Amino acid sequence: MRNQITLSGSLSKLRPYFVAPLIALIIVTVVARLIGVLVPDDAIGWVDAVRGGLAAMFAISATAHFGRARIALIRMVPAGLPNPPLLVTLTGLLEIAGVIGLIVPETARLAAICLVALLVAVFPANVQAARRAIPVAGKPATPLWFRALVQTVFIASSLLVALTG
């Protein structure tokens, strides 16, 4: 019983706003790949499946820039950068542009490269959020190690599409 409480407590600490985008990336990728296996005429390979997963992930992530999490995202912008509300809006719009770019096969590789650059550029905000323990949408602050791990998964997925798509 005690292990269940400890595990439950540990899991509740890992309810960052990153979880929904990460889950979307995984689920959409797996479902798209399964469709590719089950419908051979419409074969969706791993790279296309990951591309779809990334599009879903960035679509969910972009909504945070304009919804309940917006205030927290503004607070995450490192000191010294100008106009945090505008930066949060711009990064959200860049994510939306990335989603559109990923969906169009001819622009997917370029979009993935741009999204890698965006993910690297916004990582200091993730560090800031962890160090200042900024909660997002009523959820506790995400530990830096988890933010870094999830960001690495996002970057690796984007690089897969950029390099092999």
N, C-alpha and C. Protein backbone atom coordinates (compact mmCIF):
# COMPACT_ATOMS: atom_id res chain seq x y z
N MET A 1 0.82 -1.20 0.00
CA MET A 1 0.00 0.00 0.00
C MET A 1 0.86 1.26 0.00
N ARG A 2 1.91 1.23 0.82
CA ARG A 2 2.79 2.39 0.88
C ARG A 2 3.46 2.66 -0.47
N ASN A 3 3.85 1.60 -1.19
CA ASN A 3 4.46 1.78 -2.51
C ASN A 3 3.48 2.43 -3.48
N GLN A 4 2.20 2.09 -3.37
CA GLN A 4 1.21 2.72 -4.23
C GLN A 4 1.10 4.20 -3.94
N ILE A 5 1.12 4.56 -2.68
CA ILE A 5 1.03 5.97 -2.31
C ILE A 5 2.25 6.71 -2.82
N THR A 6 3.43 6.12 -2.65
CA THR A 6 4.66 6.75 -3.12
C THR A 6 4.66 6.89 -4.63
N LEU A 7 4.26 5.83 -5.32
CA LEU A 7 4.21 5.89 -6.77
C LEU A 7 3.19 6.92 -7.22
N SER A 8 2.04 6.92 -6.61
CA SER A 8 1.00 7.89 -6.95
C SER A 8 1.51 9.31 -6.71
N GLY A 9 2.19 9.52 -5.58
CA GLY A 9 2.73 10.85 -5.28
C GLY A 9 3.79 11.26 -6.29
N SER A 10 4.62 10.31 -6.71
CA SER A 10 5.66 10.60 -7.69
C SER A 10 5.05 10.96 -9.03
N LEU A 11 4.02 10.22 -9.42
CA LEU A 11 3.37 10.50 -10.70
C LEU A 11 2.69 11.86 -10.70
N SER A 12 2.12 12.23 -9.57
CA SER A 12 1.44 13.52 -9.53
C SER A 12 2.43 14.67 -9.68
N LYS A 13 3.68 14.45 -9.30
CA LYS A 13 4.70 15.48 -9.48
C LYS A 13 5.08 15.62 -10.95
N LEU A 14 4.81 14.59 -11.75
CA LEU A 14 5.16 14.61 -13.16
C LEU A 14 3.94 14.90 -14.03
N ARG A 15 3.09 15.80 -13.57
CA ARG A 15 1.95 16.21 -14.38
C ARG A 15 2.22 17.59 -14.97
N PRO A 16 3.29 17.71 -15.72
CA PRO A 16 3.58 19.01 -16.30
C PRO A 16 2.73 19.25 -17.53
N TYR A 17 2.77 20.49 -18.01
CA TYR A 17 2.02 20.76 -19.23
C TYR A 17 2.61 20.02 -20.40
N PHE A 18 3.83 19.50 -20.25
CA PHE A 18 4.47 18.72 -21.31
C PHE A 18 3.77 17.38 -21.54
N VAL A 19 3.05 16.86 -20.57
CA VAL A 19 2.53 15.51 -20.69
C VAL A 19 1.55 15.37 -21.85
N ALA A 20 0.63 16.27 -22.02
CA ALA A 20 -0.34 16.15 -23.11
C ALA A 20 0.36 16.16 -24.48
N PRO A 21 1.29 17.08 -24.74
CA PRO A 21 1.98 17.01 -26.03
C PRO A 21 2.79 15.72 -26.21
N LEU A 22 3.43 15.26 -25.15
CA LEU A 22 4.21 14.02 -25.24
C LEU A 22 3.31 12.83 -25.52
N ILE A 23 2.19 12.76 -24.83
CA ILE A 23 1.24 11.68 -25.06
C ILE A 23 0.69 11.74 -26.48
N ALA A 24 0.39 12.95 -26.97
CA ALA A 24 -0.09 13.10 -28.34
C ALA A 24 0.95 12.61 -29.33
N LEU A 25 2.21 12.97 -29.11
CA LEU A 25 3.28 12.52 -30.00
C LEU A 25 3.32 11.00 -30.06
N ILE A 26 3.27 10.37 -28.90
CA ILE A 26 3.37 8.91 -28.84
C ILE A 26 2.14 8.25 -29.45
N ILE A 27 0.96 8.67 -29.03
CA ILE A 27 -0.27 8.01 -29.50
C ILE A 27 -0.47 8.19 -31.00
N VAL A 28 -0.33 9.41 -31.49
CA VAL A 28 -0.55 9.63 -32.92
C VAL A 28 0.50 8.89 -33.74
N THR A 29 1.74 8.88 -33.28
CA THR A 29 2.79 8.14 -34.00
C THR A 29 2.46 6.66 -34.06
N VAL A 30 2.09 6.07 -32.94
CA VAL A 30 1.79 4.63 -32.90
C VAL A 30 0.56 4.31 -33.74
N VAL A 31 -0.50 5.09 -33.60
CA VAL A 31 -1.72 4.83 -34.37
C VAL A 31 -1.46 4.98 -35.87
N ALA A 32 -0.74 6.02 -36.27
CA ALA A 32 -0.43 6.20 -37.69
C ALA A 32 0.39 5.04 -38.22
N ARG A 33 1.35 4.59 -37.45
CA ARG A 33 2.17 3.46 -37.88
C ARG A 33 1.34 2.18 -37.97
N LEU A 34 0.44 1.97 -37.01
CA LEU A 34 -0.45 0.80 -37.07
C LEU A 34 -1.33 0.83 -38.30
N ILE A 35 -1.83 2.01 -38.64
CA ILE A 35 -2.63 2.15 -39.86
C ILE A 35 -1.76 1.77 -41.06
N GLY A 36 -0.52 2.23 -41.06
CA GLY A 36 0.38 1.89 -42.16
C GLY A 36 0.63 0.41 -42.29
N VAL A 37 0.65 -0.28 -41.16
CA VAL A 37 0.85 -1.74 -41.19
C VAL A 37 -0.42 -2.45 -41.63
N LEU A 38 -1.57 -1.99 -41.14
CA LEU A 38 -2.83 -2.66 -41.43
C LEU A 38 -3.38 -2.35 -42.82
N VAL A 39 -3.01 -1.22 -43.38
CA VAL A 39 -3.50 -0.83 -44.70
C VAL A 39 -2.28 -0.66 -45.62
N PRO A 40 -1.77 -1.77 -46.13
CA PRO A 40 -0.52 -1.72 -46.90
C PRO A 40 -0.55 -0.80 -48.12
N ASP A 41 -1.70 -0.64 -48.76
CA ASP A 41 -1.77 0.25 -49.92
C ASP A 41 -1.52 1.70 -49.52
N ASP A 42 -1.78 1.99 -48.27
CA ASP A 42 -1.65 3.35 -47.76
C ASP A 42 -0.48 3.40 -46.77
N ALA A 43 0.54 2.59 -47.00
CA ALA A 43 1.63 2.39 -46.06
C ALA A 43 2.18 3.70 -45.49
N ILE A 44 2.02 3.82 -44.21
CA ILE A 44 2.58 4.96 -43.47
C ILE A 44 3.80 4.43 -42.75
N GLY A 45 4.97 4.88 -43.17
CA GLY A 45 6.21 4.45 -42.54
C GLY A 45 6.43 5.17 -41.22
N TRP A 46 7.51 4.79 -40.54
CA TRP A 46 7.81 5.40 -39.25
C TRP A 46 8.01 6.90 -39.33
N VAL A 47 8.71 7.36 -40.35
CA VAL A 47 8.99 8.80 -40.44
C VAL A 47 7.70 9.59 -40.63
N ASP A 48 6.82 9.10 -41.51
CA ASP A 48 5.53 9.78 -41.68
C ASP A 48 4.69 9.71 -40.41
N ALA A 49 4.76 8.59 -39.72
CA ALA A 49 4.02 8.45 -38.46
C ALA A 49 4.53 9.45 -37.43
N VAL A 50 5.84 9.58 -37.33
CA VAL A 50 6.43 10.55 -36.39
C VAL A 50 6.06 11.97 -36.81
N ARG A 51 6.04 12.22 -38.10
CA ARG A 51 5.65 13.55 -38.61
C ARG A 51 4.24 13.89 -38.16
N GLY A 52 3.33 12.93 -38.25
CA GLY A 52 1.97 13.14 -37.77
C GLY A 52 1.92 13.35 -36.27
N GLY A 53 2.71 12.57 -35.55
CA GLY A 53 2.78 12.73 -34.10
C GLY A 53 3.31 14.09 -33.70
N LEU A 54 4.33 14.55 -34.41
CA LEU A 54 4.87 15.89 -34.13
C LEU A 54 3.84 16.97 -34.42
N ALA A 55 3.11 16.82 -35.51
CA ALA A 55 2.08 17.81 -35.84
C ALA A 55 1.04 17.90 -34.71
N ALA A 56 0.62 16.75 -34.21
CA ALA A 56 -0.33 16.73 -33.10
C ALA A 56 0.28 17.35 -31.85
N MET A 57 1.53 16.99 -31.57
CA MET A 57 2.21 17.50 -30.38
C MET A 57 2.33 19.01 -30.42
N PHE A 58 2.80 19.55 -31.56
CA PHE A 58 2.97 21.00 -31.64
C PHE A 58 1.62 21.72 -31.68
N ALA A 59 0.59 21.09 -32.21
CA ALA A 59 -0.74 21.71 -32.20
C ALA A 59 -1.23 21.87 -30.76
N ILE A 60 -1.03 20.85 -29.96
CA ILE A 60 -1.42 20.93 -28.55
C ILE A 60 -0.57 21.95 -27.82
N SER A 61 0.73 21.90 -28.07
CA SER A 61 1.64 22.83 -27.42
C SER A 61 1.30 24.28 -27.77
N ALA A 62 0.96 24.52 -29.02
CA ALA A 62 0.64 25.88 -29.46
C ALA A 62 -0.58 26.44 -28.73
N THR A 63 -1.54 25.58 -28.41
CA THR A 63 -2.74 26.08 -27.73
C THR A 63 -2.41 26.68 -26.36
N ALA A 64 -1.34 26.19 -25.74
CA ALA A 64 -0.96 26.73 -24.42
C ALA A 64 -0.58 28.20 -24.51
N HIS A 65 -0.10 28.63 -25.65
CA HIS A 65 0.33 30.02 -25.81
C HIS A 65 -0.84 31.00 -25.83
N PHE A 66 -2.05 30.47 -26.01
CA PHE A 66 -3.22 31.33 -26.15
C PHE A 66 -4.32 30.98 -25.15
N GLY A 67 -4.07 30.01 -24.28
CA GLY A 67 -5.10 29.56 -23.35
C GLY A 67 -4.73 29.81 -21.89
N ARG A 68 -5.18 28.89 -21.04
CA ARG A 68 -4.99 29.03 -19.58
C ARG A 68 -3.53 29.10 -19.17
N ALA A 69 -2.65 28.49 -19.91
CA ALA A 69 -1.24 28.45 -19.54
C ALA A 69 -0.47 29.70 -19.97
N ARG A 70 -1.10 30.58 -20.70
CA ARG A 70 -0.41 31.75 -21.25
C ARG A 70 0.32 32.57 -20.19
N ILE A 71 -0.32 32.85 -19.09
CA ILE A 71 0.30 33.68 -18.03
C ILE A 71 1.57 33.00 -17.53
N ALA A 72 1.51 31.69 -17.30
CA ALA A 72 2.69 30.96 -16.85
C ALA A 72 3.79 31.01 -17.90
N LEU A 73 3.44 30.87 -19.16
CA LEU A 73 4.45 30.92 -20.23
C LEU A 73 5.11 32.29 -20.27
N ILE A 74 4.34 33.33 -20.06
CA ILE A 74 4.90 34.68 -20.03
C ILE A 74 5.88 34.80 -18.86
N ARG A 75 5.53 34.24 -17.72
CA ARG A 75 6.42 34.29 -16.55
C ARG A 75 7.71 33.49 -16.77
N MET A 76 7.68 32.52 -17.70
CA MET A 76 8.85 31.69 -17.97
C MET A 76 9.91 32.40 -18.81
N VAL A 77 9.51 33.41 -19.53
CA VAL A 77 10.45 34.10 -20.42
C VAL A 77 11.59 34.65 -19.57
N PRO A 78 12.82 34.29 -19.92
CA PRO A 78 13.97 34.76 -19.13
C PRO A 78 14.05 36.28 -19.07
N ALA A 79 14.49 36.79 -17.92
CA ALA A 79 14.66 38.23 -17.73
C ALA A 79 15.63 38.75 -18.79
N GLY A 80 15.39 39.94 -19.23
CA GLY A 80 16.26 40.55 -20.21
C GLY A 80 15.74 40.44 -21.63
N LEU A 81 14.83 39.51 -21.86
CA LEU A 81 14.23 39.42 -23.19
C LEU A 81 13.06 40.40 -23.26
N PRO A 82 12.93 41.08 -24.38
CA PRO A 82 11.88 42.11 -24.47
C PRO A 82 10.49 41.53 -24.66
N ASN A 83 9.52 42.21 -24.12
CA ASN A 83 8.10 41.96 -24.38
C ASN A 83 7.70 40.48 -24.30
N PRO A 84 7.76 39.89 -23.11
CA PRO A 84 7.39 38.48 -22.96
C PRO A 84 6.04 38.09 -23.56
N PRO A 85 4.97 38.91 -23.40
CA PRO A 85 3.71 38.50 -24.02
C PRO A 85 3.82 38.34 -25.54
N LEU A 86 4.54 39.25 -26.18
CA LEU A 86 4.72 39.15 -27.62
C LEU A 86 5.54 37.91 -27.97
N LEU A 87 6.58 37.62 -27.20
CA LEU A 87 7.41 36.43 -27.46
C LEU A 87 6.59 35.15 -27.34
N VAL A 88 5.71 35.10 -26.35
CA VAL A 88 4.87 33.91 -26.18
C VAL A 88 3.91 33.78 -27.36
N THR A 89 3.34 34.88 -27.80
CA THR A 89 2.46 34.85 -28.97
C THR A 89 3.23 34.40 -30.21
N LEU A 90 4.42 34.97 -30.41
CA LEU A 90 5.21 34.61 -31.59
C LEU A 90 5.61 33.14 -31.58
N THR A 91 6.02 32.62 -30.43
CA THR A 91 6.40 31.21 -30.39
C THR A 91 5.19 30.31 -30.64
N GLY A 92 4.03 30.72 -30.16
CA GLY A 92 2.81 29.96 -30.44
C GLY A 92 2.49 29.97 -31.93
N LEU A 93 2.63 31.13 -32.56
CA LEU A 93 2.38 31.22 -34.00
C LEU A 93 3.41 30.43 -34.79
N LEU A 94 4.65 30.42 -34.33
CA LEU A 94 5.69 29.61 -35.00
C LEU A 94 5.38 28.12 -34.88
N GLU A 95 4.85 27.72 -33.74
CA GLU A 95 4.46 26.31 -33.59
C GLU A 95 3.32 25.97 -34.55
N ILE A 96 2.36 26.87 -34.69
CA ILE A 96 1.26 26.64 -35.63
C ILE A 96 1.80 26.56 -37.06
N ALA A 97 2.71 27.45 -37.41
CA ALA A 97 3.33 27.40 -38.74
C ALA A 97 4.07 26.07 -38.92
N GLY A 98 4.72 25.62 -37.86
CA GLY A 98 5.42 24.33 -37.92
C GLY A 98 4.46 23.17 -38.15
N VAL A 99 3.31 23.23 -37.52
CA VAL A 99 2.30 22.17 -37.71
C VAL A 99 1.88 22.13 -39.18
N ILE A 100 1.59 23.29 -39.73
CA ILE A 100 1.19 23.36 -41.14
C ILE A 100 2.32 22.84 -42.03
N GLY A 101 3.55 23.25 -41.72
CA GLY A 101 4.69 22.78 -42.49
C GLY A 101 4.90 21.29 -42.41
N LEU A 102 4.65 20.70 -41.24
CA LEU A 102 4.79 19.25 -41.08
C LEU A 102 3.72 18.49 -41.87
N ILE A 103 2.55 19.06 -41.96
CA ILE A 103 1.44 18.38 -42.64
C ILE A 103 1.66 18.33 -44.15
N VAL A 104 2.30 19.35 -44.69
CA VAL A 104 2.55 19.40 -46.14
C VAL A 104 3.86 18.66 -46.42
N PRO A 105 3.79 17.53 -47.11
CA PRO A 105 5.00 16.71 -47.32
C PRO A 105 6.18 17.48 -47.92
N GLU A 106 5.90 18.40 -48.83
CA GLU A 106 6.98 19.15 -49.48
C GLU A 106 7.72 20.10 -48.54
N THR A 107 7.09 20.48 -47.45
CA THR A 107 7.72 21.43 -46.52
C THR A 107 8.07 20.79 -45.18
N ALA A 108 7.80 19.50 -45.05
CA ALA A 108 7.97 18.84 -43.75
C ALA A 108 9.40 18.89 -43.24
N ARG A 109 10.36 18.65 -44.10
CA ARG A 109 11.77 18.64 -43.64
C ARG A 109 12.18 20.02 -43.16
N LEU A 110 11.86 21.05 -43.92
CA LEU A 110 12.20 22.42 -43.52
C LEU A 110 11.49 22.79 -42.22
N ALA A 111 10.22 22.42 -42.13
CA ALA A 111 9.46 22.70 -40.90
C ALA A 111 10.11 22.02 -39.70
N ALA A 112 10.53 20.78 -39.87
CA ALA A 112 11.15 20.04 -38.78
C ALA A 112 12.46 20.70 -38.35
N ILE A 113 13.25 21.16 -39.31
CA ILE A 113 14.49 21.86 -38.98
C ILE A 113 14.19 23.14 -38.19
N CYS A 114 13.21 23.89 -38.66
CA CYS A 114 12.82 25.13 -37.96
C CYS A 114 12.30 24.83 -36.56
N LEU A 115 11.56 23.74 -36.41
CA LEU A 115 11.03 23.38 -35.09
C LEU A 115 12.15 22.95 -34.14
N VAL A 116 13.19 22.30 -34.65
CA VAL A 116 14.35 21.99 -33.81
C VAL A 116 14.95 23.29 -33.29
N ALA A 117 15.13 24.26 -34.19
CA ALA A 117 15.68 25.55 -33.77
C ALA A 117 14.79 26.21 -32.72
N LEU A 118 13.48 26.14 -32.92
CA LEU A 118 12.54 26.72 -31.95
C LEU A 118 12.65 26.02 -30.60
N LEU A 119 12.71 24.70 -30.61
CA LEU A 119 12.82 23.94 -29.35
C LEU A 119 14.10 24.31 -28.59
N VAL A 120 15.18 24.46 -29.31
CA VAL A 120 16.45 24.86 -28.67
C VAL A 120 16.33 26.29 -28.13
N ALA A 121 15.71 27.17 -28.91
CA ALA A 121 15.58 28.57 -28.51
C ALA A 121 14.72 28.75 -27.26
N VAL A 122 13.69 27.92 -27.10
CA VAL A 122 12.80 28.10 -25.95
C VAL A 122 13.25 27.32 -24.72
N PHE A 123 14.29 26.50 -24.85
CA PHE A 123 14.70 25.71 -23.69
C PHE A 123 15.11 26.58 -22.50
N PRO A 124 15.76 27.73 -22.69
CA PRO A 124 16.05 28.57 -21.51
C PRO A 124 14.79 28.95 -20.72
N ALA A 125 13.66 29.06 -21.39
CA ALA A 125 12.40 29.33 -20.67
C ALA A 125 12.03 28.14 -19.80
N ASN A 126 12.31 26.93 -20.27
CA ASN A 126 12.04 25.74 -19.46
C ASN A 126 12.94 25.71 -18.24
N VAL A 127 14.19 26.10 -18.42
CA VAL A 127 15.12 26.17 -17.28
C VAL A 127 14.61 27.20 -16.28
N GLN A 128 14.20 28.35 -16.78
CA GLN A 128 13.66 29.41 -15.93
C GLN A 128 12.44 28.92 -15.15
N ALA A 129 11.55 28.22 -15.82
CA ALA A 129 10.34 27.73 -15.17
C ALA A 129 10.67 26.74 -14.06
N ALA A 130 11.62 25.87 -14.31
CA ALA A 130 12.00 24.89 -13.29
C ALA A 130 12.69 25.57 -12.11
N ARG A 131 13.60 26.46 -12.39
CA ARG A 131 14.34 27.15 -11.31
C ARG A 131 13.43 28.02 -10.46
N ARG A 132 12.46 28.67 -11.08
CA ARG A 132 11.55 29.54 -10.34
C ARG A 132 10.30 28.80 -9.87
N ALA A 133 10.22 27.50 -10.16
CA ALA A 133 9.08 26.66 -9.76
C ALA A 133 7.75 27.29 -10.20
N ILE A 134 7.67 27.62 -11.47
CA ILE A 134 6.47 28.26 -12.02
C ILE A 134 5.43 27.18 -12.34
N PRO A 135 4.30 27.21 -11.67
CA PRO A 135 3.24 26.25 -12.01
C PRO A 135 2.58 26.64 -13.33
N VAL A 136 2.06 25.64 -14.03
CA VAL A 136 1.41 25.89 -15.32
C VAL A 136 0.00 25.33 -15.26
N ALA A 137 -0.96 26.20 -15.53
CA ALA A 137 -2.38 25.82 -15.55
C ALA A 137 -2.78 25.08 -14.28
N GLY A 138 -2.30 25.57 -13.15
CA GLY A 138 -2.67 24.98 -11.87
C GLY A 138 -1.91 23.72 -11.51
N LYS A 139 -1.00 23.29 -12.37
CA LYS A 139 -0.21 22.10 -12.10
C LYS A 139 1.14 22.52 -11.55
N PRO A 140 1.72 21.71 -10.67
CA PRO A 140 3.00 22.09 -10.07
C PRO A 140 4.10 22.22 -11.13
N ALA A 141 5.13 22.96 -10.77
CA ALA A 141 6.26 23.15 -11.68
C ALA A 141 6.87 21.80 -12.04
N THR A 142 7.31 21.71 -13.26
CA THR A 142 7.92 20.49 -13.77
C THR A 142 9.41 20.49 -13.44
N PRO A 143 9.93 19.38 -12.91
CA PRO A 143 11.36 19.32 -12.63
C PRO A 143 12.18 19.47 -13.92
N LEU A 144 13.33 20.10 -13.79
CA LEU A 144 14.17 20.37 -14.95
C LEU A 144 14.59 19.09 -15.66
N TRP A 145 14.90 18.04 -14.91
CA TRP A 145 15.35 16.80 -15.56
C TRP A 145 14.27 16.25 -16.48
N PHE A 146 12.99 16.39 -16.06
CA PHE A 146 11.89 15.89 -16.88
C PHE A 146 11.69 16.78 -18.10
N ARG A 147 11.78 18.09 -17.89
CA ARG A 147 11.66 19.03 -19.01
C ARG A 147 12.74 18.73 -20.06
N ALA A 148 13.96 18.51 -19.59
CA ALA A 148 15.08 18.24 -20.50
C ALA A 148 14.86 16.92 -21.24
N LEU A 149 14.39 15.92 -20.55
CA LEU A 149 14.14 14.62 -21.17
C LEU A 149 13.07 14.73 -22.26
N VAL A 150 11.98 15.39 -21.95
CA VAL A 150 10.88 15.54 -22.91
C VAL A 150 11.34 16.40 -24.10
N GLN A 151 12.07 17.46 -23.81
CA GLN A 151 12.57 18.32 -24.89
C GLN A 151 13.50 17.53 -25.81
N THR A 152 14.30 16.63 -25.23
CA THR A 152 15.19 15.78 -26.02
C THR A 152 14.39 14.86 -26.94
N VAL A 153 13.30 14.31 -26.43
CA VAL A 153 12.43 13.46 -27.26
C VAL A 153 11.84 14.27 -28.41
N PHE A 154 11.38 15.48 -28.12
CA PHE A 154 10.81 16.33 -29.16
C PHE A 154 11.86 16.68 -30.23
N ILE A 155 13.06 17.03 -29.78
CA ILE A 155 14.13 17.39 -30.72
C ILE A 155 14.53 16.17 -31.55
N ALA A 156 14.70 15.03 -30.90
CA ALA A 156 15.09 13.82 -31.63
C ALA A 156 14.03 13.44 -32.68
N SER A 157 12.76 13.56 -32.32
CA SER A 157 11.68 13.26 -33.27
C SER A 157 11.70 14.23 -34.44
N SER A 158 11.92 15.50 -34.14
CA SER A 158 11.99 16.50 -35.21
C SER A 158 13.20 16.27 -36.10
N LEU A 159 14.33 15.89 -35.50
CA LEU A 159 15.52 15.61 -36.29
C LEU A 159 15.32 14.39 -37.19
N LEU A 160 14.60 13.40 -36.69
CA LEU A 160 14.30 12.22 -37.52
C LEU A 160 13.58 12.65 -38.80
N VAL A 161 12.58 13.50 -38.64
CA VAL A 161 11.82 13.98 -39.81
C VAL A 161 12.71 14.87 -40.68
N ALA A 162 13.50 15.73 -40.06
CA ALA A 162 14.34 16.66 -40.81
C ALA A 162 15.40 15.93 -41.64
N LEU A 163 15.95 14.88 -41.09
CA LEU A 163 17.07 14.20 -41.74
C LEU A 163 16.66 13.06 -42.65
N THR A 164 15.47 12.49 -42.41
CA THR A 164 15.08 11.32 -43.20
C THR A 164 13.74 11.47 -43.90
N GLY A 165 13.04 12.56 -43.62
CA GLY A 165 11.69 12.73 -44.16
C GLY A 165 11.63 13.05 -45.61
